[in-house]
Amino acid sequence: MLGERLRELRKSKKLTAKQLGEKFNLAESTISGYETGARKPDIELVRSFAKFFGVTTDYLLGVSNTPDLTEKDEKDIAKRMDKIKEDL
């Protein structure tokens, strides 16, 4: 799933595998390997890809079909943050 999503996001930004690789100091063949599933990026690189494309890591990994946070997600996070502050 990661490979499919990575390719889809790369193409949506009209980038070649070489151009995306240059942005992350990776070879074109490395990006191609991620997209085909022949290679797996480490978690830090997955986070970097998610940040670059403006999506969640869950979306990139196929855990979620929603590329970004929903309004409900944002409200839930705000509530949790308030609770954490109170506990401190």
PDB file of N, CA and C in Angstrom:
ATOM      1  N   MET A   1       0.821  -1.186   0.000  1.00  0.00           N
ATOM      2  CA  MET A   1       0.000   0.000   0.000  1.00  0.00           C
ATOM      3  C   MET A   1       0.870   1.258   0.000  1.00  0.00           C
ATOM      4  N   LEU A   2       1.951   1.275   0.785  1.00  0.00           N
ATOM      5  CA  LEU A   2       2.812   2.447   0.842  1.00  0.00           C
ATOM      6  C   LEU A   2       3.323   2.815  -0.545  1.00  0.00           C
ATOM      7  N   GLY A   3       3.741   1.842  -1.293  1.00  0.00           N
ATOM      8  CA  GLY A   3       4.279   2.114  -2.621  1.00  0.00           C
ATOM      9  C   GLY A   3       3.257   2.755  -3.546  1.00  0.00           C
ATOM     10  N   GLU A   4       2.055   2.221  -3.525  1.00  0.00           N
ATOM     11  CA  GLU A   4       0.982   2.773  -4.363  1.00  0.00           C
ATOM     12  C   GLU A   4       0.676   4.214  -3.966  1.00  0.00           C
ATOM     13  N   ARG A   5       0.578   4.448  -2.665  1.00  0.00           N
ATOM     14  CA  ARG A   5       0.254   5.793  -2.180  1.00  0.00           C
ATOM     15  C   ARG A   5       1.390   6.768  -2.477  1.00  0.00           C
ATOM     16  N   LEU A   6       2.615   6.313  -2.294  1.00  0.00           N
ATOM     17  CA  LEU A   6       3.767   7.173  -2.572  1.00  0.00           C
ATOM     18  C   LEU A   6       3.780   7.577  -4.046  1.00  0.00           C
ATOM     19  N   ARG A   7       3.579   6.617  -4.934  1.00  0.00           N
ATOM     20  CA  ARG A   7       3.554   6.908  -6.370  1.00  0.00           C
ATOM     21  C   ARG A   7       2.422   7.880  -6.707  1.00  0.00           C
ATOM     22  N   GLU A   8       1.256   7.626  -6.145  1.00  0.00           N
ATOM     23  CA  GLU A   8       0.089   8.479  -6.385  1.00  0.00           C
ATOM     24  C   GLU A   8       0.356   9.918  -5.925  1.00  0.00           C
ATOM     25  N   LEU A   9       0.923  10.079  -4.748  1.00  0.00           N
ATOM     26  CA  LEU A   9       1.213  11.408  -4.216  1.00  0.00           C
ATOM     27  C   LEU A   9       2.311  12.099  -5.027  1.00  0.00           C
ATOM     28  N   ARG A  10       3.320  11.337  -5.407  1.00  0.00           N
ATOM     29  CA  ARG A  10       4.410  11.902  -6.212  1.00  0.00           C
ATOM     30  C   ARG A  10       3.866  12.436  -7.534  1.00  0.00           C
ATOM     31  N   LYS A  11       3.038  11.635  -8.180  1.00  0.00           N
ATOM     32  CA  LYS A  11       2.468  12.058  -9.462  1.00  0.00           C
ATOM     33  C   LYS A  11       1.525  13.243  -9.297  1.00  0.00           C
ATOM     34  N   SER A  12       0.816  13.302  -8.170  1.00  0.00           N
ATOM     35  CA  SER A  12      -0.096  14.425  -7.943  1.00  0.00           C
ATOM     36  C   SER A  12       0.665  15.747  -7.837  1.00  0.00           C
ATOM     37  N   LYS A  13       1.934  15.680  -7.428  1.00  0.00           N
ATOM     38  CA  LYS A  13       2.785  16.874  -7.354  1.00  0.00           C
ATOM     39  C   LYS A  13       3.600  17.047  -8.633  1.00  0.00           C
ATOM     40  N   LYS A  14       3.309  16.181  -9.617  1.00  0.00           N
ATOM     41  CA  LYS A  14       3.987  16.226 -10.909  1.00  0.00           C
ATOM     42  C   LYS A  14       5.516  16.124 -10.770  1.00  0.00           C
ATOM     43  N   LEU A  15       5.938  15.195  -9.922  1.00  0.00           N
ATOM     44  CA  LEU A  15       7.355  14.935  -9.712  1.00  0.00           C
ATOM     45  C   LEU A  15       7.736  13.598 -10.314  1.00  0.00           C
ATOM     46  N   THR A  16       8.923  13.515 -10.865  1.00  0.00           N
ATOM     47  CA  THR A  16       9.460  12.227 -11.292  1.00  0.00           C
ATOM     48  C   THR A  16      10.070  11.550 -10.060  1.00  0.00           C
ATOM     49  N   ALA A  17      10.343  10.270 -10.186  1.00  0.00           N
ATOM     50  CA  ALA A  17      10.998   9.560  -9.083  1.00  0.00           C
ATOM     51  C   ALA A  17      12.365  10.182  -8.804  1.00  0.00           C
ATOM     52  N   LYS A  18      13.036  10.621  -9.854  1.00  0.00           N
ATOM     53  CA  LYS A  18      14.342  11.257  -9.692  1.00  0.00           C
ATOM     54  C   LYS A  18      14.204  12.560  -8.906  1.00  0.00           C
ATOM     55  N   GLN A  19      13.220  13.385  -9.257  1.00  0.00           N
ATOM     56  CA  GLN A  19      13.022  14.654  -8.561  1.00  0.00           C
ATOM     57  C   GLN A  19      12.669  14.451  -7.091  1.00  0.00           C
ATOM     58  N   LEU A  20      11.797  13.474  -6.806  1.00  0.00           N
ATOM     59  CA  LEU A  20      11.459  13.195  -5.419  1.00  0.00           C
ATOM     60  C   LEU A  20      12.690  12.706  -4.669  1.00  0.00           C
ATOM     61  N   GLY A  21      13.444  11.846  -5.298  1.00  0.00           N
ATOM     62  CA  GLY A  21      14.671  11.353  -4.676  1.00  0.00           C
ATOM     63  C   GLY A  21      15.639  12.474  -4.333  1.00  0.00           C
ATOM     64  N   GLU A  22      15.761  13.433  -5.230  1.00  0.00           N
ATOM     65  CA  GLU A  22      16.660  14.568  -4.991  1.00  0.00           C
ATOM     66  C   GLU A  22      16.227  15.370  -3.766  1.00  0.00           C
ATOM     67  N   LYS A  23      14.927  15.494  -3.558  1.00  0.00           N
ATOM     68  CA  LYS A  23      14.414  16.240  -2.403  1.00  0.00           C
ATOM     69  C   LYS A  23      14.770  15.558  -1.083  1.00  0.00           C
ATOM     70  N   PHE A  24      14.964  14.240  -1.131  1.00  0.00           N
ATOM     71  CA  PHE A  24      15.261  13.481   0.087  1.00  0.00           C
ATOM     72  C   PHE A  24      16.666  12.883   0.071  1.00  0.00           C
ATOM     73  N   ASN A  25      17.469  13.329  -0.893  1.00  0.00           N
ATOM     74  CA  ASN A  25      18.840  12.829  -1.035  1.00  0.00           C
ATOM     75  C   ASN A  25      18.862  11.305  -1.223  1.00  0.00           C
ATOM     76  N   LEU A  26      17.955  10.831  -2.067  1.00  0.00           N
ATOM     77  CA  LEU A  26      17.851   9.403  -2.371  1.00  0.00           C
ATOM     78  C   LEU A  26      17.978   9.199  -3.877  1.00  0.00           C
ATOM     79  N   ALA A  27      18.450   8.035  -4.274  1.00  0.00           N
ATOM     80  CA  ALA A  27      18.554   7.713  -5.696  1.00  0.00           C
ATOM     81  C   ALA A  27      17.172   7.444  -6.289  1.00  0.00           C
ATOM     82  N   GLU A  28      17.042   7.691  -7.559  1.00  0.00           N
ATOM     83  CA  GLU A  28      15.796   7.390  -8.267  1.00  0.00           C
ATOM     84  C   GLU A  28      15.423   5.924  -8.090  1.00  0.00           C
ATOM     85  N   SER A  29      16.416   5.043  -8.113  1.00  0.00           N
ATOM     86  CA  SER A  29      16.154   3.609  -7.957  1.00  0.00           C
ATOM     87  C   SER A  29      15.608   3.282  -6.563  1.00  0.00           C
ATOM     88  N   THR A  30      15.996   4.061  -5.565  1.00  0.00           N
ATOM     89  CA  THR A  30      15.480   3.854  -4.211  1.00  0.00           C
ATOM     90  C   THR A  30      13.999   4.206  -4.158  1.00  0.00           C
ATOM     91  N   ILE A  31      13.637   5.350  -4.746  1.00  0.00           N
ATOM     92  CA  ILE A  31      12.227   5.748  -4.797  1.00  0.00           C
ATOM     93  C   ILE A  31      11.431   4.702  -5.559  1.00  0.00           C
ATOM     94  N   SER A  32      11.961   4.255  -6.673  1.00  0.00           N
ATOM     95  CA  SER A  32      11.298   3.221  -7.465  1.00  0.00           C
ATOM     96  C   SER A  32      11.105   1.947  -6.648  1.00  0.00           C
ATOM     97  N   GLY A  33      12.115   1.587  -5.870  1.00  0.00           N
ATOM     98  CA  GLY A  33      12.023   0.403  -5.010  1.00  0.00           C
ATOM     99  C   GLY A  33      10.929   0.534  -3.970  1.00  0.00           C
ATOM    100  N   TYR A  34      10.782   1.727  -3.400  1.00  0.00           N
ATOM    101  CA  TYR A  34       9.698   1.969  -2.445  1.00  0.00           C
ATOM    102  C   TYR A  34       8.344   1.837  -3.129  1.00  0.00           C
ATOM    103  N   GLU A  35       8.249   2.403  -4.319  1.00  0.00           N
ATOM    104  CA  GLU A  35       6.970   2.393  -5.031  1.00  0.00           C
ATOM    105  C   GLU A  35       6.554   0.995  -5.493  1.00  0.00           C
ATOM    106  N   THR A  36       7.511   0.162  -5.812  1.00  0.00           N
ATOM    107  CA  THR A  36       7.185  -1.200  -6.251  1.00  0.00           C
ATOM    108  C   THR A  36       7.059  -2.180  -5.089  1.00  0.00           C
ATOM    109  N   GLY A  37       7.510  -1.757  -3.919  1.00  0.00           N
ATOM    110  CA  GLY A  37       7.464  -2.639  -2.756  1.00  0.00           C
ATOM    111  C   GLY A  37       8.714  -3.480  -2.593  1.00  0.00           C
ATOM    112  N   ALA A  38       9.695  -3.288  -3.468  1.00  0.00           N
ATOM    113  CA  ALA A  38      10.939  -4.042  -3.368  1.00  0.00           C
ATOM    114  C   ALA A  38      11.792  -3.578  -2.184  1.00  0.00           C
ATOM    115  N   ARG A  39      11.575  -2.339  -1.765  1.00  0.00           N
ATOM    116  CA  ARG A  39      12.298  -1.772  -0.624  1.00  0.00           C
ATOM    117  C   ARG A  39      11.301  -1.166   0.341  1.00  0.00           C
ATOM    118  N   LYS A  40      11.702  -1.054   1.595  1.00  0.00           N
ATOM    119  CA  LYS A  40      10.858  -0.458   2.636  1.00  0.00           C
ATOM    120  C   LYS A  40      11.620   0.699   3.295  1.00  0.00           C
ATOM    121  N   PRO A  41      11.026   1.890   3.327  1.00  0.00           N
ATOM    122  CA  PRO A  41      11.688   3.013   4.008  1.00  0.00           C
ATOM    123  C   PRO A  41      11.600   2.851   5.524  1.00  0.00           C
ATOM    124  N   ASP A  42      12.555   3.452   6.234  1.00  0.00           N
ATOM    125  CA  ASP A  42      12.460   3.420   7.698  1.00  0.00           C
ATOM    126  C   ASP A  42      11.380   4.400   8.152  1.00  0.00           C
ATOM    127  N   ILE A  43      11.017   4.319   9.412  1.00  0.00           N
ATOM    128  CA  ILE A  43       9.894   5.095   9.934  1.00  0.00           C
ATOM    129  C   ILE A  43      10.139   6.596   9.833  1.00  0.00           C
ATOM    130  N   GLU A  44      11.377   7.028  10.025  1.00  0.00           N
ATOM    131  CA  GLU A  44      11.676   8.464   9.920  1.00  0.00           C
ATOM    132  C   GLU A  44      11.445   8.967   8.499  1.00  0.00           C
ATOM    133  N   LEU A  45      11.781   8.157   7.520  1.00  0.00           N
ATOM    134  CA  LEU A  45      11.557   8.558   6.133  1.00  0.00           C
ATOM    135  C   LEU A  45      10.066   8.561   5.812  1.00  0.00           C
ATOM    136  N   VAL A  46       9.332   7.618   6.357  1.00  0.00           N
ATOM    137  CA  VAL A  46       7.871   7.608   6.172  1.00  0.00           C
ATOM    138  C   VAL A  46       7.289   8.902   6.747  1.00  0.00           C
ATOM    139  N   ARG A  47       7.748   9.291   7.925  1.00  0.00           N
ATOM    140  CA  ARG A  47       7.292  10.550   8.528  1.00  0.00           C
ATOM    141  C   ARG A  47       7.643  11.743   7.646  1.00  0.00           C
ATOM    142  N   SER A  48       8.848  11.728   7.095  1.00  0.00           N
ATOM    143  CA  SER A  48       9.273  12.829   6.219  1.00  0.00           C
ATOM    144  C   SER A  48       8.430  12.885   4.949  1.00  0.00           C
ATOM    145  N   PHE A  49       8.146  11.722   4.371  1.00  0.00           N
ATOM    146  CA  PHE A  49       7.283  11.692   3.182  1.00  0.00           C
ATOM    147  C   PHE A  49       5.897  12.248   3.525  1.00  0.00           C
ATOM    148  N   ALA A  50       5.351  11.825   4.660  1.00  0.00           N
ATOM    149  CA  ALA A  50       4.022  12.276   5.065  1.00  0.00           C
ATOM    150  C   ALA A  50       3.999  13.795   5.226  1.00  0.00           C
ATOM    151  N   LYS A  51       5.009  14.330   5.875  1.00  0.00           N
ATOM    152  CA  LYS A  51       5.079  15.773   6.072  1.00  0.00           C
ATOM    153  C   LYS A  51       5.199  16.496   4.733  1.00  0.00           C
ATOM    154  N   PHE A  52       6.047  16.000   3.867  1.00  0.00           N
ATOM    155  CA  PHE A  52       6.261  16.614   2.555  1.00  0.00           C
ATOM    156  C   PHE A  52       4.963  16.662   1.744  1.00  0.00           C
ATOM    157  N   PHE A  53       4.217  15.562   1.768  1.00  0.00           N
ATOM    158  CA  PHE A  53       2.992  15.481   0.966  1.00  0.00           C
ATOM    159  C   PHE A  53       1.760  16.006   1.712  1.00  0.00           C
ATOM    160  N   GLY A  54       1.910  16.330   2.991  1.00  0.00           N
ATOM    161  CA  GLY A  54       0.791  16.859   3.758  1.00  0.00           C
ATOM    162  C   GLY A  54      -0.281  15.831   4.054  1.00  0.00           C
ATOM    163  N   VAL A  55       0.160  14.599   4.326  1.00  0.00           N
ATOM    164  CA  VAL A  55      -0.773  13.518   4.659  1.00  0.00           C
ATOM    165  C   VAL A  55      -0.318  12.879   5.964  1.00  0.00           C
ATOM    166  N   THR A  56      -1.145  12.013   6.518  1.00  0.00           N
ATOM    167  CA  THR A  56      -0.766  11.302   7.734  1.00  0.00           C
ATOM    168  C   THR A  56       0.070  10.068   7.381  1.00  0.00           C
ATOM    169  N   THR A  57       0.844   9.614   8.349  1.00  0.00           N
ATOM    170  CA  THR A  57       1.590   8.370   8.133  1.00  0.00           C
ATOM    171  C   THR A  57       0.612   7.201   7.984  1.00  0.00           C
ATOM    172  N   ASP A  58      -0.505   7.254   8.699  1.00  0.00           N
ATOM    173  CA  ASP A  58      -1.517   6.196   8.560  1.00  0.00           C
ATOM    174  C   ASP A  58      -2.006   6.104   7.117  1.00  0.00           C
ATOM    175  N   TYR A  59      -2.200   7.241   6.477  1.00  0.00           N
ATOM    176  CA  TYR A  59      -2.636   7.231   5.075  1.00  0.00           C
ATOM    177  C   TYR A  59      -1.546   6.602   4.199  1.00  0.00           C
ATOM    178  N   LEU A  60      -0.318   7.030   4.385  1.00  0.00           N
ATOM    179  CA  LEU A  60       0.775   6.474   3.574  1.00  0.00           C
ATOM    180  C   LEU A  60       0.896   4.966   3.740  1.00  0.00           C
ATOM    181  N   LEU A  61       0.704   4.491   4.960  1.00  0.00           N
ATOM    182  CA  LEU A  61       0.871   3.068   5.242  1.00  0.00           C
ATOM    183  C   LEU A  61      -0.368   2.228   4.943  1.00  0.00           C
ATOM    184  N   GLY A  62      -1.459   2.884   4.549  1.00  0.00           N
ATOM    185  CA  GLY A  62      -2.670   2.153   4.209  1.00  0.00           C
ATOM    186  C   GLY A  62      -3.558   1.824   5.391  1.00  0.00           C
ATOM    187  N   VAL A  63      -3.256   2.389   6.555  1.00  0.00           N
ATOM    188  CA  VAL A  63      -4.072   2.158   7.743  1.00  0.00           C
ATOM    189  C   VAL A  63      -5.380   2.938   7.642  1.00  0.00           C
ATOM    190  N   SER A  64      -5.301   4.094   6.999  1.00  0.00           N
ATOM    191  CA  SER A  64      -6.454   4.982   6.835  1.00  0.00           C
ATOM    192  C   SER A  64      -6.602   5.355   5.367  1.00  0.00           C
ATOM    193  N   ASN A  65      -7.814   5.586   4.962  1.00  0.00           N
ATOM    194  CA  ASN A  65      -8.050   6.056   3.598  1.00  0.00           C
ATOM    195  C   ASN A  65      -8.242   7.559   3.546  1.00  0.00           C
ATOM    196  N   THR A  66      -8.081   8.211   4.699  1.00  0.00           N
ATOM    197  CA  THR A  66      -8.200   9.661   4.788  1.00  0.00           C
ATOM    198  C   THR A  66      -6.798  10.255   4.834  1.00  0.00           C
ATOM    199  N   PRO A  67      -6.428  11.057   3.831  1.00  0.00           N
ATOM    200  CA  PRO A  67      -5.057  11.567   3.789  1.00  0.00           C
ATOM    201  C   PRO A  67      -4.699  12.585   4.865  1.00  0.00           C
ATOM    202  N   ASP A  68      -5.693  13.225   5.464  1.00  0.00           N
ATOM    203  CA  ASP A  68      -5.381  14.195   6.505  1.00  0.00           C
ATOM    204  C   ASP A  68      -6.364  14.071   7.660  1.00  0.00           C
ATOM    205  N   LEU A  69      -6.147  14.854   8.673  1.00  0.00           N
ATOM    206  CA  LEU A  69      -7.003  14.781   9.850  1.00  0.00           C
ATOM    207  C   LEU A  69      -8.390  15.343   9.547  1.00  0.00           C
ATOM    208  N   THR A  70      -9.380  14.671  10.083  1.00  0.00           N
ATOM    209  CA  THR A  70     -10.743  15.178   9.956  1.00  0.00           C
ATOM    210  C   THR A  70     -10.986  16.192  11.069  1.00  0.00           C
ATOM    211  N   GLU A  71     -12.080  16.914  10.970  1.00  0.00           N
ATOM    212  CA  GLU A  71     -12.433  17.882  12.005  1.00  0.00           C
ATOM    213  C   GLU A  71     -12.608  17.170  13.350  1.00  0.00           C
ATOM    214  N   LYS A  72     -13.200  15.980  13.317  1.00  0.00           N
ATOM    215  CA  LYS A  72     -13.389  15.199  14.542  1.00  0.00           C
ATOM    216  C   LYS A  72     -12.028  14.830  15.150  1.00  0.00           C
ATOM    217  N   ASP A  73     -11.083  14.411  14.292  1.00  0.00           N
ATOM    218  CA  ASP A  73      -9.748  14.079  14.779  1.00  0.00           C
ATOM    219  C   ASP A  73      -9.121  15.271  15.492  1.00  0.00           C
ATOM    220  N   GLU A  74      -9.239  16.442  14.881  1.00  0.00           N
ATOM    221  CA  GLU A  74      -8.649  17.638  15.465  1.00  0.00           C
ATOM    222  C   GLU A  74      -9.291  17.979  16.817  1.00  0.00           C
ATOM    223  N   LYS A  75     -10.614  17.819  16.907  1.00  0.00           N
ATOM    224  CA  LYS A  75     -11.300  18.083  18.173  1.00  0.00           C
ATOM    225  C   LYS A  75     -10.873  17.078  19.237  1.00  0.00           C
ATOM    226  N   ASP A  76     -10.761  15.803  18.856  1.00  0.00           N
ATOM    227  CA  ASP A  76     -10.328  14.774  19.798  1.00  0.00           C
ATOM    228  C   ASP A  76      -8.918  15.057  20.311  1.00  0.00           C
ATOM    229  N   ILE A  77      -8.047  15.483  19.421  1.00  0.00           N
ATOM    230  CA  ILE A  77      -6.671  15.803  19.809  1.00  0.00           C
ATOM    231  C   ILE A  77      -6.667  16.988  20.770  1.00  0.00           C
ATOM    232  N   ALA A  78      -7.456  18.012  20.469  1.00  0.00           N
ATOM    233  CA  ALA A  78      -7.532  19.185  21.351  1.00  0.00           C
ATOM    234  C   ALA A  78      -8.020  18.791  22.739  1.00  0.00           C
ATOM    235  N   LYS A  79      -9.028  17.910  22.808  1.00  0.00           N
ATOM    236  CA  LYS A  79      -9.538  17.455  24.105  1.00  0.00           C
ATOM    237  C   LYS A  79      -8.455  16.709  24.881  1.00  0.00           C
ATOM    238  N   ARG A  80      -7.734  15.837  24.184  1.00  0.00           N
ATOM    239  CA  ARG A  80      -6.670  15.082  24.844  1.00  0.00           C
ATOM    240  C   ARG A  80      -5.569  16.014  25.354  1.00  0.00           C
ATOM    241  N   MET A  81      -5.226  17.012  24.546  1.00  0.00           N
ATOM    242  CA  MET A  81      -4.198  17.966  24.959  1.00  0.00           C
ATOM    243  C   MET A  81      -4.641  18.745  26.202  1.00  0.00           C
ATOM    244  N   ASP A  82      -5.917  19.151  26.232  1.00  0.00           N
ATOM    245  CA  ASP A  82      -6.440  19.841  27.416  1.00  0.00           C
ATOM    246  C   ASP A  82      -6.351  18.950  28.650  1.00  0.00           C
ATOM    247  N   LYS A  83      -6.684  17.697  28.500  1.00  0.00           N
ATOM    248  CA  LYS A  83      -6.626  16.745  29.609  1.00  0.00           C
ATOM    249  C   LYS A  83      -5.188  16.574  30.112  1.00  0.00           C
ATOM    250  N   ILE A  84      -4.260  16.498  29.180  1.00  0.00           N
ATOM    251  CA  ILE A  84      -2.850  16.362  29.550  1.00  0.00           C
ATOM    252  C   ILE A  84      -2.394  17.590  30.334  1.00  0.00           C
ATOM    253  N   LYS A  85      -2.783  18.767  29.857  1.00  0.00           N
ATOM    254  CA  LYS A  85      -2.419  20.012  30.566  1.00  0.00           C
ATOM    255  C   LYS A  85      -2.984  20.024  31.977  1.00  0.00           C
ATOM    256  N   GLU A  86      -4.241  19.591  32.123  1.00  0.00           N
ATOM    257  CA  GLU A  86      -4.860  19.549  33.456  1.00  0.00           C
ATOM    258  C   GLU A  86      -4.105  18.605  34.376  1.00  0.00           C
ATOM    259  N   ASP A  87      -3.704  17.463  33.826  1.00  0.00           N
ATOM    260  CA  ASP A  87      -3.000  16.461  34.624  1.00  0.00           C
ATOM    261  C   ASP A  87      -1.631  16.933  35.084  1.00  0.00           C
ATOM    262  N   LEU A  88      -1.059  17.839  34.344  1.00  0.00           N
ATOM    263  CA  LEU A  88       0.272  18.361  34.713  1.00  0.00           C
ATOM    264  C   LEU A  88       0.115  19.331  35.855  1.00  0.00           C
TER     265      LEU A  88
END
